[in-house]
Amino acid sequence: MIDLHTHSIFSDGELIPTELARRARVKGCRAIAITDHADHSNMDFIIPRVTKACKAVSSVCSIKAIPGIEITHVHPVHISDLAKKARDLGAEIVVVHGETIVEPVIPGTNLAAVKSPIDILAHPGLVDENVAEIAAENSIHFEISARKGHSLTNGHVVKMAREFNVRLVLNTDSHAPGDLIDMHMARKIATGAGMSEKEIEAMFENSEILTRKCS
């Protein structure tokens, strides 16, 4: 299992990065990205601190901890600049908080995200054809979410990804220890979203590829 969307105490998570990584390892994770919520106010605070923790964890534990960020609820006009800033600060996985149907995300967020230098559009909700087409062109991944609420549109996300050849990844969006899952549960969630075994294996390989790109 590789989980590229999680949260620590540096946003609204319950655990410090080290414990988050340790608990993920016990669940069977081989790699985890810590992607706390950020906007203009806190990005420069979060990323350097998470990076320190990830380096310490990865040096002694049998899990690869990756510093990342989730650009969250910012106006679409600011997403690209914040994504570039996140890269400059050391974020190796850049996620954008997509237009989930259970939160009042600003319309146009999905479109701005796939036009920006990011890796994953998280829980993109009722994502449309235009966004899917651009995501495919720019090699941006759609997320299949294990999180309650965000997961309600997983089936639609799979349908759009299948139609436009968008790469998928499955993440937990964990905020608490109980949100972490093992590979068995990940497969159940993917199957429940209508994915075939071949598609599931390709999705897991996408996470592998993203992880290998990280230092």
C-alpha atoms as a PDB file:
ATOM      1  CA  MET A   1       0.000   0.000   0.000  1.00  0.00           C
ATOM      2  CA  ILE A   2       1.166   3.505  -0.888  1.00  0.00           C
ATOM      3  CA  ASP A   3      -0.796   6.448   0.507  1.00  0.00           C
ATOM      4  CA  LEU A   4      -0.069   9.833  -1.040  1.00  0.00           C
ATOM      5  CA  HIS A   5      -2.634  11.968   0.798  1.00  0.00           C
ATOM      6  CA  THR A   6      -2.565  12.216   4.611  1.00  0.00           C
ATOM      7  CA  HIS A   7      -2.698  14.900   7.302  1.00  0.00           C
ATOM      8  CA  SER A   8      -0.737  15.534  10.475  1.00  0.00           C
ATOM      9  CA  ILE A   9      -1.037  18.050  13.326  1.00  0.00           C
ATOM     10  CA  PHE A  10       0.377  20.671  10.978  1.00  0.00           C
ATOM     11  CA  SER A  11      -3.168  21.064   9.653  1.00  0.00           C
ATOM     12  CA  ASP A  12      -6.237  19.184  10.915  1.00  0.00           C
ATOM     13  CA  GLY A  13      -4.741  15.753  11.552  1.00  0.00           C
ATOM     14  CA  GLU A  14      -4.408  14.150  14.985  1.00  0.00           C
ATOM     15  CA  LEU A  15      -0.860  12.781  14.786  1.00  0.00           C
ATOM     16  CA  ILE A  16       2.632  14.209  14.519  1.00  0.00           C
ATOM     17  CA  PRO A  17       4.301  13.167  11.249  1.00  0.00           C
ATOM     18  CA  THR A  18       6.477  10.492  12.862  1.00  0.00           C
ATOM     19  CA  GLU A  19       3.568   8.695  14.513  1.00  0.00           C
ATOM     20  CA  LEU A  20       1.474   9.010  11.357  1.00  0.00           C
ATOM     21  CA  ALA A  21       4.213   7.303   9.346  1.00  0.00           C
ATOM     22  CA  ARG A  22       4.702   4.631  11.986  1.00  0.00           C
ATOM     23  CA  ARG A  23       1.001   3.786  12.159  1.00  0.00           C
ATOM     24  CA  ALA A  24       0.836   3.675   8.363  1.00  0.00           C
ATOM     25  CA  ARG A  25       3.755   1.230   8.330  1.00  0.00           C
ATOM     26  CA  VAL A  26       1.950  -1.055  10.771  1.00  0.00           C
ATOM     27  CA  LYS A  27      -0.985  -1.051   8.326  1.00  0.00           C
ATOM     28  CA  GLY A  28       1.367  -2.271   5.638  1.00  0.00           C
ATOM     29  CA  CYS A  29       2.222   0.999   3.904  1.00  0.00           C
ATOM     30  CA  ARG A  30       5.601   1.128   2.188  1.00  0.00           C
ATOM     31  CA  ALA A  31       5.345   4.841   1.419  1.00  0.00           C
ATOM     32  CA  ILE A  32       3.290   7.741   2.701  1.00  0.00           C
ATOM     33  CA  ALA A  33       3.060  11.391   1.674  1.00  0.00           C
ATOM     34  CA  ILE A  34       2.195  13.892   4.381  1.00  0.00           C
ATOM     35  CA  THR A  35       0.110  16.508   2.602  1.00  0.00           C
ATOM     36  CA  ASP A  36      -1.261  18.976   5.110  1.00  0.00           C
ATOM     37  CA  HIS A  37      -3.807  21.612   4.154  1.00  0.00           C
ATOM     38  CA  ALA A  38      -2.260  24.896   3.075  1.00  0.00           C
ATOM     39  CA  ASP A  39      -2.944  28.309   1.631  1.00  0.00           C
ATOM     40  CA  HIS A  40      -0.900  31.515   1.487  1.00  0.00           C
ATOM     41  CA  SER A  41      -0.790  31.772   5.273  1.00  0.00           C
ATOM     42  CA  ASN A  42       0.930  28.559   6.303  1.00  0.00           C
ATOM     43  CA  MET A  43       2.666  26.840   3.386  1.00  0.00           C
ATOM     44  CA  ASP A  44       6.101  28.194   4.276  1.00  0.00           C
ATOM     45  CA  PHE A  45       5.592  27.014   7.860  1.00  0.00           C
ATOM     46  CA  ILE A  46       4.404  23.485   7.098  1.00  0.00           C
ATOM     47  CA  ILE A  47       6.645  22.176   4.348  1.00  0.00           C
ATOM     48  CA  PRO A  48      10.092  22.700   5.964  1.00  0.00           C
ATOM     49  CA  ARG A  49       8.922  21.071   9.211  1.00  0.00           C
ATOM     50  CA  VAL A  50       7.276  18.102   7.545  1.00  0.00           C
ATOM     51  CA  THR A  51      10.372  17.683   5.372  1.00  0.00           C
ATOM     52  CA  LYS A  52      12.574  17.383   8.484  1.00  0.00           C
ATOM     53  CA  ALA A  53      10.298  14.726   9.958  1.00  0.00           C
ATOM     54  CA  CYS A  54      10.105  12.781   6.704  1.00  0.00           C
ATOM     55  CA  LYS A  55      13.885  12.689   6.360  1.00  0.00           C
ATOM     56  CA  ALA A  56      14.256  11.420   9.925  1.00  0.00           C
ATOM     57  CA  VAL A  57      11.600   8.727   9.482  1.00  0.00           C
ATOM     58  CA  SER A  58      12.859   7.531   6.114  1.00  0.00           C
ATOM     59  CA  SER A  59      16.437   7.231   7.384  1.00  0.00           C
ATOM     60  CA  VAL A  60      15.644   4.656  10.070  1.00  0.00           C
ATOM     61  CA  CYS A  61      12.215   3.140   9.386  1.00  0.00           C
ATOM     62  CA  SER A  62      11.024   0.719   6.724  1.00  0.00           C
ATOM     63  CA  ILE A  63       8.677   3.266   5.192  1.00  0.00           C
ATOM     64  CA  LYS A  64       9.365   6.066   2.744  1.00  0.00           C
ATOM     65  CA  ALA A  65       7.939   9.315   4.137  1.00  0.00           C
ATOM     66  CA  ILE A  66       7.426  12.022   1.511  1.00  0.00           C
ATOM     67  CA  PRO A  67       6.895  15.724   2.215  1.00  0.00           C
ATOM     68  CA  GLY A  68       3.901  17.107   0.403  1.00  0.00           C
ATOM     69  CA  ILE A  69       1.101  19.634   0.633  1.00  0.00           C
ATOM     70  CA  GLU A  70      -2.609  19.902  -0.154  1.00  0.00           C
ATOM     71  CA  ILE A  71      -3.611  23.299  -1.537  1.00  0.00           C
ATOM     72  CA  THR A  72      -7.036  23.726   0.011  1.00  0.00           C
ATOM     73  CA  HIS A  73     -10.017  26.029  -0.584  1.00  0.00           C
ATOM     74  CA  VAL A  74      -7.944  28.777  -2.193  1.00  0.00           C
ATOM     75  CA  HIS A  75      -9.315  30.772  -5.097  1.00  0.00           C
ATOM     76  CA  PRO A  76      -8.595  29.093  -8.446  1.00  0.00           C
ATOM     77  CA  VAL A  77      -6.564  32.081  -9.650  1.00  0.00           C
ATOM     78  CA  HIS A  78      -3.981  31.371  -6.932  1.00  0.00           C
ATOM     79  CA  ILE A  79      -3.585  27.612  -7.362  1.00  0.00           C
ATOM     80  CA  SER A  80      -0.826  27.593  -9.967  1.00  0.00           C
ATOM     81  CA  ASP A  81       1.359  30.083  -8.106  1.00  0.00           C
ATOM     82  CA  LEU A  82       0.916  28.205  -4.824  1.00  0.00           C
ATOM     83  CA  ALA A  83       1.792  24.920  -6.523  1.00  0.00           C
ATOM     84  CA  LYS A  84       5.026  26.450  -7.815  1.00  0.00           C
ATOM     85  CA  LYS A  85       5.783  27.867  -4.368  1.00  0.00           C
ATOM     86  CA  ALA A  86       5.195  24.455  -2.797  1.00  0.00           C
ATOM     87  CA  ARG A  87       7.734  22.892  -5.166  1.00  0.00           C
ATOM     88  CA  ASP A  88      10.262  25.611  -4.347  1.00  0.00           C
ATOM     89  CA  LEU A  89       9.781  24.940  -0.624  1.00  0.00           C
ATOM     90  CA  GLY A  90      10.450  21.225  -1.079  1.00  0.00           C
ATOM     91  CA  ALA A  91       7.067  19.578  -1.476  1.00  0.00           C
ATOM     92  CA  GLU A  92       7.567  16.410  -3.513  1.00  0.00           C
ATOM     93  CA  ILE A  93       3.868  15.562  -3.826  1.00  0.00           C
ATOM     94  CA  VAL A  94       1.525  18.458  -4.550  1.00  0.00           C
ATOM     95  CA  VAL A  95      -2.177  17.793  -4.139  1.00  0.00           C
ATOM     96  CA  VAL A  96      -5.110  20.121  -4.767  1.00  0.00           C
ATOM     97  CA  HIS A  97      -8.295  19.780  -2.739  1.00  0.00           C
ATOM     98  CA  GLY A  98     -10.809  19.115  -5.508  1.00  0.00           C
ATOM     99  CA  GLU A  99     -14.487  19.909  -5.870  1.00  0.00           C
ATOM    100  CA  THR A 100     -15.838  17.247  -3.521  1.00  0.00           C
ATOM    101  CA  ILE A 101     -19.626  17.295  -3.262  1.00  0.00           C
ATOM    102  CA  VAL A 102     -19.524  17.422   0.553  1.00  0.00           C
ATOM    103  CA  GLU A 103     -17.701  20.771   0.898  1.00  0.00           C
ATOM    104  CA  PRO A 104     -18.258  24.229  -0.639  1.00  0.00           C
ATOM    105  CA  VAL A 105     -15.154  24.206  -2.841  1.00  0.00           C
ATOM    106  CA  ILE A 106     -15.033  27.150  -5.246  1.00  0.00           C
ATOM    107  CA  PRO A 107     -16.253  26.171  -8.742  1.00  0.00           C
ATOM    108  CA  GLY A 108     -13.347  26.206 -11.158  1.00  0.00           C
ATOM    109  CA  THR A 109     -10.935  24.670  -8.662  1.00  0.00           C
ATOM    110  CA  ASN A 110     -10.689  21.400 -10.598  1.00  0.00           C
ATOM    111  CA  LEU A 111      -9.948  23.190 -13.863  1.00  0.00           C
ATOM    112  CA  ALA A 112      -7.311  25.451 -12.322  1.00  0.00           C
ATOM    113  CA  ALA A 113      -5.709  22.451 -10.636  1.00  0.00           C
ATOM    114  CA  VAL A 114      -5.201  20.403 -13.794  1.00  0.00           C
ATOM    115  CA  LYS A 115      -3.643  23.430 -15.478  1.00  0.00           C
ATOM    116  CA  SER A 116      -1.107  23.740 -12.644  1.00  0.00           C
ATOM    117  CA  PRO A 117       2.152  21.882 -11.842  1.00  0.00           C
ATOM    118  CA  ILE A 118       0.603  19.386  -9.414  1.00  0.00           C
ATOM    119  CA  ASP A 119       0.545  15.612  -9.030  1.00  0.00           C
ATOM    120  CA  ILE A 120      -2.918  14.727  -7.726  1.00  0.00           C
ATOM    121  CA  LEU A 121      -6.384  16.244  -7.905  1.00  0.00           C
ATOM    122  CA  ALA A 122      -7.915  14.897  -4.714  1.00  0.00           C
ATOM    123  CA  HIS A 123     -11.567  13.834  -4.509  1.00  0.00           C
ATOM    124  CA  PRO A 124     -12.568  15.779  -7.642  1.00  0.00           C
ATOM    125  CA  GLY A 125     -16.283  15.101  -7.194  1.00  0.00           C
ATOM    126  CA  LEU A 126     -18.462  15.352 -10.292  1.00  0.00           C
ATOM    127  CA  VAL A 127     -15.470  16.171 -12.450  1.00  0.00           C
ATOM    128  CA  ASP A 128     -16.341  17.109 -16.029  1.00  0.00           C
ATOM    129  CA  GLU A 129     -15.013  16.025 -19.407  1.00  0.00           C
ATOM    130  CA  ASN A 130     -12.938  19.153 -19.996  1.00  0.00           C
ATOM    131  CA  VAL A 131     -11.062  18.725 -16.717  1.00  0.00           C
ATOM    132  CA  ALA A 132     -10.522  15.032 -17.410  1.00  0.00           C
ATOM    133  CA  GLU A 133      -9.133  15.712 -20.861  1.00  0.00           C
ATOM    134  CA  ILE A 134      -6.677  18.321 -19.575  1.00  0.00           C
ATOM    135  CA  ALA A 135      -5.653  16.112 -16.646  1.00  0.00           C
ATOM    136  CA  ALA A 136      -4.765  13.338 -19.061  1.00  0.00           C
ATOM    137  CA  GLU A 137      -2.757  15.697 -21.250  1.00  0.00           C
ATOM    138  CA  ASN A 138      -0.822  17.006 -18.234  1.00  0.00           C
ATOM    139  CA  SER A 139      -0.312  13.615 -16.543  1.00  0.00           C
ATOM    140  CA  ILE A 140      -2.222  14.685 -13.434  1.00  0.00           C
ATOM    141  CA  HIS A 141      -3.787  11.931 -11.362  1.00  0.00           C
ATOM    142  CA  PHE A 142      -7.360  11.752 -10.141  1.00  0.00           C
ATOM    143  CA  GLU A 143      -7.828  10.392  -6.645  1.00  0.00           C
ATOM    144  CA  ILE A 144     -10.058   7.536  -5.598  1.00  0.00           C
ATOM    145  CA  SER A 145     -10.769   8.418  -1.998  1.00  0.00           C
ATOM    146  CA  ALA A 146     -11.141   6.122   0.984  1.00  0.00           C
ATOM    147  CA  ARG A 147     -12.524   9.000   3.049  1.00  0.00           C
ATOM    148  CA  LYS A 148     -16.166   9.116   4.067  1.00  0.00           C
ATOM    149  CA  GLY A 149     -18.077  11.689   2.041  1.00  0.00           C
ATOM    150  CA  HIS A 150     -15.374  12.279  -0.540  1.00  0.00           C
ATOM    151  CA  SER A 151     -15.750   8.664  -1.642  1.00  0.00           C
ATOM    152  CA  LEU A 152     -19.363   9.174  -2.732  1.00  0.00           C
ATOM    153  CA  THR A 153     -18.298  10.153  -6.247  1.00  0.00           C
ATOM    154  CA  ASN A 154     -15.571   7.525  -6.724  1.00  0.00           C
ATOM    155  CA  GLY A 155     -17.664   5.727  -9.335  1.00  0.00           C
ATOM    156  CA  HIS A 156     -18.032   8.877 -11.425  1.00  0.00           C
ATOM    157  CA  VAL A 157     -14.321   9.629 -11.106  1.00  0.00           C
ATOM    158  CA  VAL A 158     -13.477   6.134 -12.358  1.00  0.00           C
ATOM    159  CA  LYS A 159     -15.877   6.551 -15.279  1.00  0.00           C
ATOM    160  CA  MET A 160     -14.286   9.843 -16.367  1.00  0.00           C
ATOM    161  CA  ALA A 161     -10.768   8.527 -15.881  1.00  0.00           C
ATOM    162  CA  ARG A 162     -11.559   5.464 -17.956  1.00  0.00           C
ATOM    163  CA  GLU A 163     -13.071   7.524 -20.766  1.00  0.00           C
ATOM    164  CA  PHE A 164     -10.207  10.025 -20.995  1.00  0.00           C
ATOM    165  CA  ASN A 165      -7.271   7.835 -19.895  1.00  0.00           C
ATOM    166  CA  VAL A 166      -6.612   9.781 -16.715  1.00  0.00           C
ATOM    167  CA  ARG A 167      -4.252   8.086 -14.290  1.00  0.00           C
ATOM    168  CA  LEU A 168      -5.761   7.132 -10.934  1.00  0.00           C
ATOM    169  CA  VAL A 169      -4.342   6.762  -7.436  1.00  0.00           C
ATOM    170  CA  LEU A 170      -6.099   5.570  -4.290  1.00  0.00           C
ATOM    171  CA  ASN A 171      -5.445   7.486  -1.063  1.00  0.00           C
ATOM    172  CA  THR A 172      -6.952   7.608   2.420  1.00  0.00           C
ATOM    173  CA  ASP A 173      -6.945  11.362   3.118  1.00  0.00           C
ATOM    174  CA  SER A 174      -6.272  10.229   6.680  1.00  0.00           C
ATOM    175  CA  HIS A 175      -6.775  12.664   9.539  1.00  0.00           C
ATOM    176  CA  ALA A 176      -6.843  10.136  12.382  1.00  0.00           C
ATOM    177  CA  PRO A 177      -5.375   6.673  13.075  1.00  0.00           C
ATOM    178  CA  GLY A 178      -8.658   4.982  12.226  1.00  0.00           C
ATOM    179  CA  ASP A 179      -8.598   6.442   8.714  1.00  0.00           C
ATOM    180  CA  LEU A 180      -5.544   4.443   7.656  1.00  0.00           C
ATOM    181  CA  ILE A 181      -6.245   1.291   5.654  1.00  0.00           C
ATOM    182  CA  ASP A 182      -4.430  -1.806   4.465  1.00  0.00           C
ATOM    183  CA  MET A 183      -4.158  -3.160   0.928  1.00  0.00           C
ATOM    184  CA  HIS A 184      -7.103  -5.490   1.414  1.00  0.00           C
ATOM    185  CA  MET A 185      -9.424  -2.582   2.177  1.00  0.00           C
ATOM    186  CA  ALA A 186      -7.928  -0.514  -0.637  1.00  0.00           C
ATOM    187  CA  ARG A 187      -8.850  -3.244  -3.099  1.00  0.00           C
ATOM    188  CA  LYS A 188     -12.394  -3.383  -1.737  1.00  0.00           C
ATOM    189  CA  ILE A 189     -12.807   0.370  -2.167  1.00  0.00           C
ATOM    190  CA  ALA A 190     -11.506   0.239  -5.727  1.00  0.00           C
ATOM    191  CA  THR A 191     -13.761  -2.706  -6.576  1.00  0.00           C
ATOM    192  CA  GLY A 192     -16.709  -0.874  -5.056  1.00  0.00           C
ATOM    193  CA  ALA A 193     -15.972   2.050  -7.364  1.00  0.00           C
ATOM    194  CA  GLY A 194     -16.411  -0.278 -10.326  1.00  0.00           C
ATOM    195  CA  MET A 195     -12.775  -0.906 -11.168  1.00  0.00           C
ATOM    196  CA  SER A 196     -11.589  -4.142 -12.753  1.00  0.00           C
ATOM    197  CA  GLU A 197      -8.638  -6.074 -11.358  1.00  0.00           C
ATOM    198  CA  LYS A 198      -6.495  -4.871 -14.253  1.00  0.00           C
ATOM    199  CA  GLU A 199      -7.449  -1.252 -13.546  1.00  0.00           C
ATOM    200  CA  ILE A 200      -6.721  -1.689  -9.843  1.00  0.00           C
ATOM    201  CA  GLU A 201      -3.248  -3.018 -10.526  1.00  0.00           C
ATOM    202  CA  ALA A 202      -2.556  -0.134 -12.919  1.00  0.00           C
ATOM    203  CA  MET A 203      -3.730   2.330 -10.258  1.00  0.00           C
ATOM    204  CA  PHE A 204      -1.364   0.886  -7.664  1.00  0.00           C
ATOM    205  CA  GLU A 205       1.464   1.063 -10.203  1.00  0.00           C
ATOM    206  CA  ASN A 206       0.697   4.773 -10.696  1.00  0.00           C
ATOM    207  CA  SER A 207       1.341   5.313  -6.997  1.00  0.00           C
ATOM    208  CA  GLU A 208       4.581   3.373  -7.301  1.00  0.00           C
ATOM    209  CA  ILE A 209       5.734   5.575 -10.164  1.00  0.00           C
ATOM    210  CA  LEU A 210       4.940   8.786  -8.294  1.00  0.00           C
ATOM    211  CA  THR A 211       6.781   7.477  -5.243  1.00  0.00           C
ATOM    212  CA  ARG A 212       9.870   6.539  -7.246  1.00  0.00           C
ATOM    213  CA  LYS A 213      10.082  10.111  -8.531  1.00  0.00           C
ATOM    214  CA  CYS A 214      10.460  11.381  -4.981  1.00  0.00           C
ATOM    215  CA  SER A 215      13.885  11.565  -3.368  1.00  0.00           C
END
